[in-house]
Amino acid sequence: LVMSFQKLEGISSVSFVGLKNYQRLITDSHVTASVLNSIYFTIGIVVVNVTVPLLLAVVLNNRATPCRNAFRSALYLPALTSIIVAGIFFRLFFGSGDGTPLNRLMQVFSLPPKAWLFDTVPTGIFVLVITSTWRWLGTNIIYFLCGLQGIPLELYEAADIDGANTWQRLRHVTLPGLRPILVFVVTVLTYGGLRMFGESYVLWANGTTPGDVGMTFVLYIYRTAFTRFQSGYAAAMSTALFFLLILINLVYIKALKIGKEA
């Protein structure tokens, strides 16, 4: 916070600049682009990493599902993988050359190859969401499985007696029973999305994102501090992010009624 009001040149040269770093935030086009990228990415992972793990958890929680324990283990394994390994793999998979795996697959369906990591902002966000989902999917499935196993079977039996179909059981029994887990997962995904750095840094080698494609706010903070050595300005961005997260937290507490009796 103190550093955000300073201009640092080298190690020992420090001067007070007041609100100039914060004024620069308003006019910096890279800040706008990186914040929008972070918001789009956060929305994407919240939507995907709530719906897909929830549906998979419901399937894996069903005793009629064959080999469900094996599927649980297989889906959780990516969570144990290093972000460096995962990032390099997806960088090669979504490569821009005609011989990359995804572009070869597209050619099978007579689709033109794409430079996924260097094309447009939507394609860059799409790759980030896919990479993050691959890593976080198994963890979120475990969360939802724990929540599902805490729902009394008597509620489902009562719903069956009342003639409820699958969708009605999901809507009126499963989702209300999973409310605490849903609140937790959405909150963690939101914070994870807004502070995402590793995937973007590795997918674009050393975070060199062309035309701000794939550049998140935290990546821009890193580049400002450790590439341009503008530590005061980076501190101002970090402080702004800190207060943004506090604001989102307050909104969540109010909207989701956290801490209040249901």
C-alpha atoms as a PDB file:
ATOM      1  CA  LEU A   1       0.000   0.000   0.000  1.00  0.00           C
ATOM      2  CA  VAL A   2       2.816   2.410   0.856  1.00  0.00           C
ATOM      3  CA  MET A   3       4.717   1.450  -2.287  1.00  0.00           C
ATOM      4  CA  SER A   4       1.665   2.221  -4.442  1.00  0.00           C
ATOM      5  CA  PHE A   5       2.177   5.943  -3.690  1.00  0.00           C
ATOM      6  CA  GLN A   6       5.836   5.815  -4.680  1.00  0.00           C
ATOM      7  CA  LYS A   7       8.007   5.671  -7.768  1.00  0.00           C
ATOM      8  CA  LEU A   8      10.881   3.235  -7.448  1.00  0.00           C
ATOM      9  CA  GLU A   9      13.929   3.450  -9.682  1.00  0.00           C
ATOM     10  CA  GLY A  10      16.414   0.721  -8.949  1.00  0.00           C
ATOM     11  CA  ILE A  11      16.809  -0.390  -5.339  1.00  0.00           C
ATOM     12  CA  SER A  12      17.493   2.777  -3.355  1.00  0.00           C
ATOM     13  CA  SER A  13      15.872   5.552  -5.424  1.00  0.00           C
ATOM     14  CA  VAL A  14      12.379   6.121  -4.041  1.00  0.00           C
ATOM     15  CA  SER A  15      10.196   9.194  -4.535  1.00  0.00           C
ATOM     16  CA  PHE A  16       6.666  10.002  -3.422  1.00  0.00           C
ATOM     17  CA  VAL A  17       4.265  10.532  -6.360  1.00  0.00           C
ATOM     18  CA  GLY A  18       0.914  10.660  -4.579  1.00  0.00           C
ATOM     19  CA  LEU A  19      -2.032   9.367  -6.640  1.00  0.00           C
ATOM     20  CA  LYS A  20      -0.211   9.357  -9.991  1.00  0.00           C
ATOM     21  CA  ASN A  21       0.008   5.553 -10.069  1.00  0.00           C
ATOM     22  CA  TYR A  22      -3.739   5.280  -9.492  1.00  0.00           C
ATOM     23  CA  GLN A  23      -4.465   7.952 -12.106  1.00  0.00           C
ATOM     24  CA  ARG A  24      -2.413   5.947 -14.566  1.00  0.00           C
ATOM     25  CA  LEU A  25      -4.631   2.909 -13.886  1.00  0.00           C
ATOM     26  CA  ILE A  26      -7.607   4.745 -15.358  1.00  0.00           C
ATOM     27  CA  THR A  27      -5.895   5.595 -18.652  1.00  0.00           C
ATOM     28  CA  ASP A  28      -3.816   2.438 -19.158  1.00  0.00           C
ATOM     29  CA  SER A  29      -5.391   0.434 -22.000  1.00  0.00           C
ATOM     30  CA  HIS A  30      -3.521  -2.707 -20.908  1.00  0.00           C
ATOM     31  CA  VAL A  31      -5.208  -2.523 -17.508  1.00  0.00           C
ATOM     32  CA  THR A  32      -8.627  -2.379 -19.166  1.00  0.00           C
ATOM     33  CA  ALA A  33      -7.816  -5.311 -21.457  1.00  0.00           C
ATOM     34  CA  SER A  34      -6.316  -7.447 -18.690  1.00  0.00           C
ATOM     35  CA  VAL A  35      -9.197  -6.777 -16.287  1.00  0.00           C
ATOM     36  CA  LEU A  36     -11.749  -7.700 -18.970  1.00  0.00           C
ATOM     37  CA  ASN A  37      -9.780 -10.861 -19.777  1.00  0.00           C
ATOM     38  CA  SER A  38      -9.761 -11.803 -16.086  1.00  0.00           C
ATOM     39  CA  ILE A  39     -13.512 -11.189 -15.804  1.00  0.00           C
ATOM     40  CA  TYR A  40     -14.289 -13.228 -18.939  1.00  0.00           C
ATOM     41  CA  PHE A  41     -12.046 -16.026 -17.716  1.00  0.00           C
ATOM     42  CA  THR A  42     -13.640 -15.986 -14.258  1.00  0.00           C
ATOM     43  CA  ILE A  43     -17.160 -16.153 -15.700  1.00  0.00           C
ATOM     44  CA  GLY A  44     -16.097 -19.031 -17.941  1.00  0.00           C
ATOM     45  CA  ILE A  45     -14.546 -21.163 -15.224  1.00  0.00           C
ATOM     46  CA  VAL A  46     -17.388 -20.508 -12.772  1.00  0.00           C
ATOM     47  CA  VAL A  47     -19.998 -21.634 -15.313  1.00  0.00           C
ATOM     48  CA  VAL A  48     -18.029 -24.636 -16.590  1.00  0.00           C
ATOM     49  CA  ASN A  49     -16.546 -25.738 -13.251  1.00  0.00           C
ATOM     50  CA  VAL A  50     -19.875 -25.685 -11.464  1.00  0.00           C
ATOM     51  CA  THR A  51     -22.143 -27.345 -14.034  1.00  0.00           C
ATOM     52  CA  VAL A  52     -19.788 -30.033 -15.389  1.00  0.00           C
ATOM     53  CA  PRO A  53     -18.380 -31.271 -12.030  1.00  0.00           C
ATOM     54  CA  LEU A  54     -21.863 -31.204 -10.502  1.00  0.00           C
ATOM     55  CA  LEU A  55     -23.332 -33.380 -13.240  1.00  0.00           C
ATOM     56  CA  LEU A  56     -20.357 -35.755 -13.142  1.00  0.00           C
ATOM     57  CA  ALA A  57     -20.585 -35.961  -9.345  1.00  0.00           C
ATOM     58  CA  VAL A  58     -24.267 -36.906  -9.582  1.00  0.00           C
ATOM     59  CA  VAL A  59     -23.380 -39.680 -12.038  1.00  0.00           C
ATOM     60  CA  LEU A  60     -20.435 -40.921  -9.956  1.00  0.00           C
ATOM     61  CA  ASN A  61     -22.541 -40.860  -6.797  1.00  0.00           C
ATOM     62  CA  ASN A  62     -25.033 -43.252  -8.375  1.00  0.00           C
ATOM     63  CA  ARG A  63     -24.333 -46.808  -7.253  1.00  0.00           C
ATOM     64  CA  ALA A  64     -25.495 -48.094 -10.634  1.00  0.00           C
ATOM     65  CA  THR A  65     -22.575 -46.362 -12.392  1.00  0.00           C
ATOM     66  CA  PRO A  66     -20.012 -49.024 -13.411  1.00  0.00           C
ATOM     67  CA  CYS A  67     -16.358 -48.551 -12.358  1.00  0.00           C
ATOM     68  CA  ARG A  68     -17.238 -45.324 -10.581  1.00  0.00           C
ATOM     69  CA  ASN A  69     -14.235 -45.515  -8.231  1.00  0.00           C
ATOM     70  CA  ALA A  70     -11.877 -45.856 -11.188  1.00  0.00           C
ATOM     71  CA  PHE A  71     -13.497 -42.841 -12.858  1.00  0.00           C
ATOM     72  CA  ARG A  72     -13.167 -40.833  -9.636  1.00  0.00           C
ATOM     73  CA  SER A  73      -9.437 -41.530  -9.506  1.00  0.00           C
ATOM     74  CA  ALA A  74      -8.937 -40.811 -13.202  1.00  0.00           C
ATOM     75  CA  LEU A  75     -10.775 -37.490 -13.043  1.00  0.00           C
ATOM     76  CA  TYR A  76      -8.817 -36.372  -9.974  1.00  0.00           C
ATOM     77  CA  LEU A  77      -5.347 -37.196 -11.362  1.00  0.00           C
ATOM     78  CA  PRO A  78      -4.963 -33.893 -13.310  1.00  0.00           C
ATOM     79  CA  ALA A  79      -5.191 -32.004 -10.002  1.00  0.00           C
ATOM     80  CA  LEU A  80      -1.868 -33.605  -9.039  1.00  0.00           C
ATOM     81  CA  THR A  81      -0.166 -32.430 -12.233  1.00  0.00           C
ATOM     82  CA  SER A  82       2.225 -29.483 -12.204  1.00  0.00           C
ATOM     83  CA  ILE A  83       0.918 -26.330 -13.852  1.00  0.00           C
ATOM     84  CA  ILE A  84       4.171 -26.202 -15.837  1.00  0.00           C
ATOM     85  CA  VAL A  85       3.581 -29.666 -17.306  1.00  0.00           C
ATOM     86  CA  ALA A  86      -0.096 -28.968 -17.992  1.00  0.00           C
ATOM     87  CA  GLY A  87       0.648 -25.581 -19.548  1.00  0.00           C
ATOM     88  CA  ILE A  88       3.322 -26.948 -21.902  1.00  0.00           C
ATOM     89  CA  PHE A  89       1.039 -29.812 -22.954  1.00  0.00           C
ATOM     90  CA  PHE A  90      -1.865 -27.487 -23.799  1.00  0.00           C
ATOM     91  CA  ARG A  91       0.483 -25.008 -25.487  1.00  0.00           C
ATOM     92  CA  LEU A  92       1.542 -27.793 -27.850  1.00  0.00           C
ATOM     93  CA  PHE A  93      -2.013 -29.118 -28.228  1.00  0.00           C
ATOM     94  CA  PHE A  94      -3.398 -25.688 -29.149  1.00  0.00           C
ATOM     95  CA  GLY A  95      -0.390 -24.746 -31.258  1.00  0.00           C
ATOM     96  CA  SER A  96      -0.787 -22.636 -34.386  1.00  0.00           C
ATOM     97  CA  GLY A  97       0.885 -24.979 -36.886  1.00  0.00           C
ATOM     98  CA  ASP A  98      -0.979 -27.287 -39.266  1.00  0.00           C
ATOM     99  CA  GLY A  99       0.641 -30.308 -37.650  1.00  0.00           C
ATOM    100  CA  THR A 100      -0.555 -29.637 -34.096  1.00  0.00           C
ATOM    101  CA  PRO A 101      -3.043 -32.185 -32.666  1.00  0.00           C
ATOM    102  CA  LEU A 102      -6.114 -29.924 -32.549  1.00  0.00           C
ATOM    103  CA  ASN A 103      -5.572 -28.431 -36.013  1.00  0.00           C
ATOM    104  CA  ARG A 104      -5.109 -31.922 -37.460  1.00  0.00           C
ATOM    105  CA  LEU A 105      -8.400 -32.916 -35.901  1.00  0.00           C
ATOM    106  CA  MET A 106     -10.056 -29.830 -37.387  1.00  0.00           C
ATOM    107  CA  GLN A 107      -8.738 -30.735 -40.838  1.00  0.00           C
ATOM    108  CA  VAL A 108     -10.424 -34.133 -40.528  1.00  0.00           C
ATOM    109  CA  PHE A 109     -13.740 -32.253 -40.329  1.00  0.00           C
ATOM    110  CA  SER A 110     -12.717 -29.924 -43.194  1.00  0.00           C
ATOM    111  CA  LEU A 111     -12.265 -26.960 -40.863  1.00  0.00           C
ATOM    112  CA  PRO A 112      -9.456 -24.426 -41.340  1.00  0.00           C
ATOM    113  CA  PRO A 113      -6.616 -24.487 -38.786  1.00  0.00           C
ATOM    114  CA  LYS A 114      -6.507 -21.720 -36.188  1.00  0.00           C
ATOM    115  CA  ALA A 115      -3.790 -19.975 -34.249  1.00  0.00           C
ATOM    116  CA  TRP A 116      -5.612 -20.595 -30.994  1.00  0.00           C
ATOM    117  CA  LEU A 117      -3.171 -18.776 -28.754  1.00  0.00           C
ATOM    118  CA  PHE A 118      -2.571 -15.836 -31.091  1.00  0.00           C
ATOM    119  CA  ASP A 119      -5.875 -15.303 -32.879  1.00  0.00           C
ATOM    120  CA  THR A 120      -8.422 -13.321 -30.854  1.00  0.00           C
ATOM    121  CA  VAL A 121      -9.259 -12.685 -27.214  1.00  0.00           C
ATOM    122  CA  PRO A 122     -12.183 -15.193 -27.203  1.00  0.00           C
ATOM    123  CA  THR A 123      -9.970 -18.034 -28.440  1.00  0.00           C
ATOM    124  CA  GLY A 124      -7.320 -17.167 -25.850  1.00  0.00           C
ATOM    125  CA  ILE A 125      -9.921 -17.156 -23.062  1.00  0.00           C
ATOM    126  CA  PHE A 126     -11.301 -20.441 -24.394  1.00  0.00           C
ATOM    127  CA  VAL A 127      -7.862 -22.093 -24.128  1.00  0.00           C
ATOM    128  CA  LEU A 128      -7.381 -20.709 -20.613  1.00  0.00           C
ATOM    129  CA  VAL A 129     -10.769 -22.039 -19.497  1.00  0.00           C
ATOM    130  CA  ILE A 130     -10.073 -25.481 -20.987  1.00  0.00           C
ATOM    131  CA  THR A 131      -6.650 -25.669 -19.330  1.00  0.00           C
ATOM    132  CA  SER A 132      -7.934 -24.577 -15.932  1.00  0.00           C
ATOM    133  CA  THR A 133     -10.961 -26.856 -16.139  1.00  0.00           C
ATOM    134  CA  TRP A 134      -8.721 -29.834 -16.877  1.00  0.00           C
ATOM    135  CA  ARG A 135      -6.796 -29.118 -13.656  1.00  0.00           C
ATOM    136  CA  TRP A 136      -9.677 -28.141 -11.357  1.00  0.00           C
ATOM    137  CA  LEU A 137     -12.381 -30.522 -12.548  1.00  0.00           C
ATOM    138  CA  GLY A 138     -11.432 -33.438 -10.285  1.00  0.00           C
ATOM    139  CA  THR A 139     -11.140 -31.272  -7.185  1.00  0.00           C
ATOM    140  CA  ASN A 140     -14.601 -29.781  -7.701  1.00  0.00           C
ATOM    141  CA  ILE A 141     -16.056 -33.239  -8.311  1.00  0.00           C
ATOM    142  CA  ILE A 142     -14.705 -34.306  -4.903  1.00  0.00           C
ATOM    143  CA  TYR A 143     -16.345 -31.278  -3.281  1.00  0.00           C
ATOM    144  CA  PHE A 144     -19.717 -32.070  -4.828  1.00  0.00           C
ATOM    145  CA  LEU A 145     -19.420 -35.771  -4.052  1.00  0.00           C
ATOM    146  CA  CYS A 146     -18.883 -34.942  -0.374  1.00  0.00           C
ATOM    147  CA  GLY A 147     -21.956 -32.739  -0.454  1.00  0.00           C
ATOM    148  CA  LEU A 148     -24.093 -35.346  -2.215  1.00  0.00           C
ATOM    149  CA  GLN A 149     -23.184 -38.013   0.320  1.00  0.00           C
ATOM    150  CA  GLY A 150     -24.406 -35.709   3.076  1.00  0.00           C
ATOM    151  CA  ILE A 151     -27.932 -35.471   1.631  1.00  0.00           C
ATOM    152  CA  PRO A 152     -30.254 -37.958   3.412  1.00  0.00           C
ATOM    153  CA  LEU A 153     -31.590 -40.711   1.153  1.00  0.00           C
ATOM    154  CA  GLU A 154     -34.991 -40.263   2.776  1.00  0.00           C
ATOM    155  CA  LEU A 155     -35.427 -37.004   0.876  1.00  0.00           C
ATOM    156  CA  TYR A 156     -34.995 -38.771  -2.468  1.00  0.00           C
ATOM    157  CA  GLU A 157     -37.334 -41.551  -1.384  1.00  0.00           C
ATOM    158  CA  ALA A 158     -39.958 -38.984  -0.416  1.00  0.00           C
ATOM    159  CA  ALA A 159     -39.506 -37.255  -3.784  1.00  0.00           C
ATOM    160  CA  ASP A 160     -39.991 -40.587  -5.591  1.00  0.00           C
ATOM    161  CA  ILE A 161     -43.184 -41.233  -3.621  1.00  0.00           C
ATOM    162  CA  ASP A 162     -44.462 -37.793  -4.671  1.00  0.00           C
ATOM    163  CA  GLY A 163     -43.757 -38.703  -8.313  1.00  0.00           C
ATOM    164  CA  ALA A 164     -40.835 -36.345  -8.883  1.00  0.00           C
ATOM    165  CA  ASN A 165     -38.805 -36.929 -12.041  1.00  0.00           C
ATOM    166  CA  THR A 166     -35.007 -36.661 -12.365  1.00  0.00           C
ATOM    167  CA  TRP A 167     -34.994 -32.916 -13.039  1.00  0.00           C
ATOM    168  CA  GLN A 168     -37.370 -32.208 -10.147  1.00  0.00           C
ATOM    169  CA  ARG A 169     -35.217 -34.255  -7.746  1.00  0.00           C
ATOM    170  CA  LEU A 170     -32.152 -32.346  -8.894  1.00  0.00           C
ATOM    171  CA  ARG A 171     -33.859 -28.982  -8.528  1.00  0.00           C
ATOM    172  CA  HIS A 172     -35.739 -29.481  -5.260  1.00  0.00           C
ATOM    173  CA  VAL A 173     -33.537 -31.968  -3.382  1.00  0.00           C
ATOM    174  CA  THR A 174     -29.979 -32.038  -4.745  1.00  0.00           C
ATOM    175  CA  LEU A 175     -29.332 -28.327  -5.318  1.00  0.00           C
ATOM    176  CA  PRO A 176     -30.757 -27.131  -1.975  1.00  0.00           C
ATOM    177  CA  GLY A 177     -28.757 -29.830  -0.201  1.00  0.00           C
ATOM    178  CA  LEU A 178     -25.598 -28.706  -1.986  1.00  0.00           C
ATOM    179  CA  ARG A 179     -26.036 -24.996  -1.255  1.00  0.00           C
ATOM    180  CA  PRO A 180     -23.073 -24.696   1.173  1.00  0.00           C
ATOM    181  CA  ILE A 181     -20.806 -26.545  -1.272  1.00  0.00           C
ATOM    182  CA  LEU A 182     -22.048 -24.441  -4.194  1.00  0.00           C
ATOM    183  CA  VAL A 183     -21.315 -21.236  -2.281  1.00  0.00           C
ATOM    184  CA  PHE A 184     -17.823 -22.495  -1.426  1.00  0.00           C
ATOM    185  CA  VAL A 185     -17.002 -23.650  -4.972  1.00  0.00           C
ATOM    186  CA  VAL A 186     -18.287 -20.452  -6.613  1.00  0.00           C
ATOM    187  CA  THR A 187     -16.316 -18.315  -4.146  1.00  0.00           C
ATOM    188  CA  VAL A 188     -13.081 -20.267  -4.626  1.00  0.00           C
ATOM    189  CA  LEU A 189     -13.460 -20.247  -8.415  1.00  0.00           C
ATOM    190  CA  THR A 190     -14.090 -16.504  -8.439  1.00  0.00           C
ATOM    191  CA  TYR A 191     -10.957 -15.762  -6.440  1.00  0.00           C
ATOM    192  CA  GLY A 192      -8.986 -18.300  -8.464  1.00  0.00           C
ATOM    193  CA  GLY A 193     -10.134 -16.733 -11.713  1.00  0.00           C
ATOM    194  CA  LEU A 194      -9.350 -13.144 -10.777  1.00  0.00           C
ATOM    195  CA  ARG A 195      -5.887 -14.006  -9.453  1.00  0.00           C
ATOM    196  CA  MET A 196      -5.038 -16.503 -12.214  1.00  0.00           C
ATOM    197  CA  PHE A 197      -1.403 -16.273 -13.301  1.00  0.00           C
ATOM    198  CA  GLY A 198       0.239 -19.664 -13.857  1.00  0.00           C
ATOM    199  CA  GLU A 199      -1.811 -20.898 -16.825  1.00  0.00           C
ATOM    200  CA  SER A 200      -1.430 -17.628 -18.730  1.00  0.00           C
ATOM    201  CA  TYR A 201       2.291 -17.405 -17.996  1.00  0.00           C
ATOM    202  CA  VAL A 202       2.986 -20.938 -19.240  1.00  0.00           C
ATOM    203  CA  LEU A 203       0.597 -21.121 -22.203  1.00  0.00           C
ATOM    204  CA  TRP A 204       2.200 -17.982 -23.625  1.00  0.00           C
ATOM    205  CA  ALA A 205       5.901 -18.554 -23.054  1.00  0.00           C
ATOM    206  CA  ASN A 206       7.050 -16.286 -20.207  1.00  0.00           C
ATOM    207  CA  GLY A 207       3.735 -14.439 -20.394  1.00  0.00           C
ATOM    208  CA  THR A 208       4.496 -12.770 -23.751  1.00  0.00           C
ATOM    209  CA  THR A 209       0.865 -12.426 -24.808  1.00  0.00           C
ATOM    210  CA  PRO A 210       0.502 -10.794 -28.272  1.00  0.00           C
ATOM    211  CA  GLY A 211      -2.023  -7.984 -28.454  1.00  0.00           C
ATOM    212  CA  ASP A 212      -3.128  -8.664 -24.874  1.00  0.00           C
ATOM    213  CA  VAL A 213      -4.601 -12.038 -25.920  1.00  0.00           C
ATOM    214  CA  GLY A 214      -4.592 -14.152 -22.771  1.00  0.00           C
ATOM    215  CA  MET A 215      -3.098 -11.441 -20.554  1.00  0.00           C
ATOM    216  CA  THR A 216      -4.763 -11.476 -17.151  1.00  0.00           C
ATOM    217  CA  PHE A 217      -4.569  -8.737 -14.551  1.00  0.00           C
ATOM    218  CA  VAL A 218      -2.119 -10.585 -12.302  1.00  0.00           C
ATOM    219  CA  LEU A 219       0.093 -11.408 -15.293  1.00  0.00           C
ATOM    220  CA  TYR A 220       0.158  -7.709 -16.178  1.00  0.00           C
ATOM    221  CA  ILE A 221       1.108  -6.890 -12.579  1.00  0.00           C
ATOM    222  CA  TYR A 222       3.962  -9.402 -12.820  1.00  0.00           C
ATOM    223  CA  ARG A 223       5.202  -8.016 -16.141  1.00  0.00           C
ATOM    224  CA  THR A 224       5.048  -4.453 -14.822  1.00  0.00           C
ATOM    225  CA  ALA A 225       7.013  -5.298 -11.676  1.00  0.00           C
ATOM    226  CA  PHE A 226       9.598  -7.789 -12.962  1.00  0.00           C
ATOM    227  CA  THR A 227       9.956  -6.952 -16.658  1.00  0.00           C
ATOM    228  CA  ARG A 228       9.534  -3.186 -16.682  1.00  0.00           C
ATOM    229  CA  PHE A 229      10.677  -2.816 -13.057  1.00  0.00           C
ATOM    230  CA  GLN A 230       7.889  -0.331 -12.265  1.00  0.00           C
ATOM    231  CA  SER A 231       7.276  -1.622  -8.769  1.00  0.00           C
ATOM    232  CA  GLY A 232       5.256   1.372  -7.576  1.00  0.00           C
ATOM    233  CA  TYR A 233       2.764   1.084 -10.407  1.00  0.00           C
ATOM    234  CA  ALA A 234       2.545  -2.692  -9.930  1.00  0.00           C
ATOM    235  CA  ALA A 235       1.866  -2.122  -6.229  1.00  0.00           C
ATOM    236  CA  ALA A 236      -0.987   0.229  -7.127  1.00  0.00           C
ATOM    237  CA  MET A 237      -2.520  -2.440  -9.358  1.00  0.00           C
ATOM    238  CA  SER A 238      -2.108  -5.048  -6.621  1.00  0.00           C
ATOM    239  CA  THR A 239      -3.806  -2.760  -4.108  1.00  0.00           C
ATOM    240  CA  ALA A 240      -6.687  -2.139  -6.528  1.00  0.00           C
ATOM    241  CA  LEU A 241      -7.086  -5.889  -6.994  1.00  0.00           C
ATOM    242  CA  PHE A 242      -7.075  -6.390  -3.215  1.00  0.00           C
ATOM    243  CA  PHE A 243      -9.939  -3.948  -2.697  1.00  0.00           C
ATOM    244  CA  LEU A 244     -11.808  -5.409  -5.678  1.00  0.00           C
ATOM    245  CA  LEU A 245     -11.672  -8.843  -4.037  1.00  0.00           C
ATOM    246  CA  ILE A 246     -12.919  -7.383  -0.762  1.00  0.00           C
ATOM    247  CA  LEU A 247     -15.841  -5.781  -2.615  1.00  0.00           C
ATOM    248  CA  ILE A 248     -16.707  -9.060  -4.319  1.00  0.00           C
ATOM    249  CA  ASN A 249     -16.501 -10.817  -0.973  1.00  0.00           C
ATOM    250  CA  LEU A 250     -18.976  -8.350   0.551  1.00  0.00           C
ATOM    251  CA  VAL A 251     -21.330  -8.839  -2.399  1.00  0.00           C
ATOM    252  CA  TYR A 252     -21.147 -12.616  -1.961  1.00  0.00           C
ATOM    253  CA  ILE A 253     -21.844 -12.362   1.762  1.00  0.00           C
ATOM    254  CA  LYS A 254     -24.891 -10.187   1.082  1.00  0.00           C
ATOM    255  CA  ALA A 255     -26.258 -11.973  -1.971  1.00  0.00           C
ATOM    256  CA  LEU A 256     -25.657 -15.547  -0.799  1.00  0.00           C
ATOM    257  CA  LYS A 257     -26.572 -14.772   2.832  1.00  0.00           C
ATOM    258  CA  ILE A 258     -23.382 -16.344   4.136  1.00  0.00           C
ATOM    259  CA  GLY A 259     -23.411 -16.775   7.895  1.00  0.00           C
ATOM    260  CA  LYS A 260     -27.193 -16.602   8.161  1.00  0.00           C
ATOM    261  CA  GLU A 261     -29.577 -19.433   8.854  1.00  0.00           C
ATOM    262  CA  ALA A 262     -31.164 -20.838   5.690  1.00  0.00           C
END
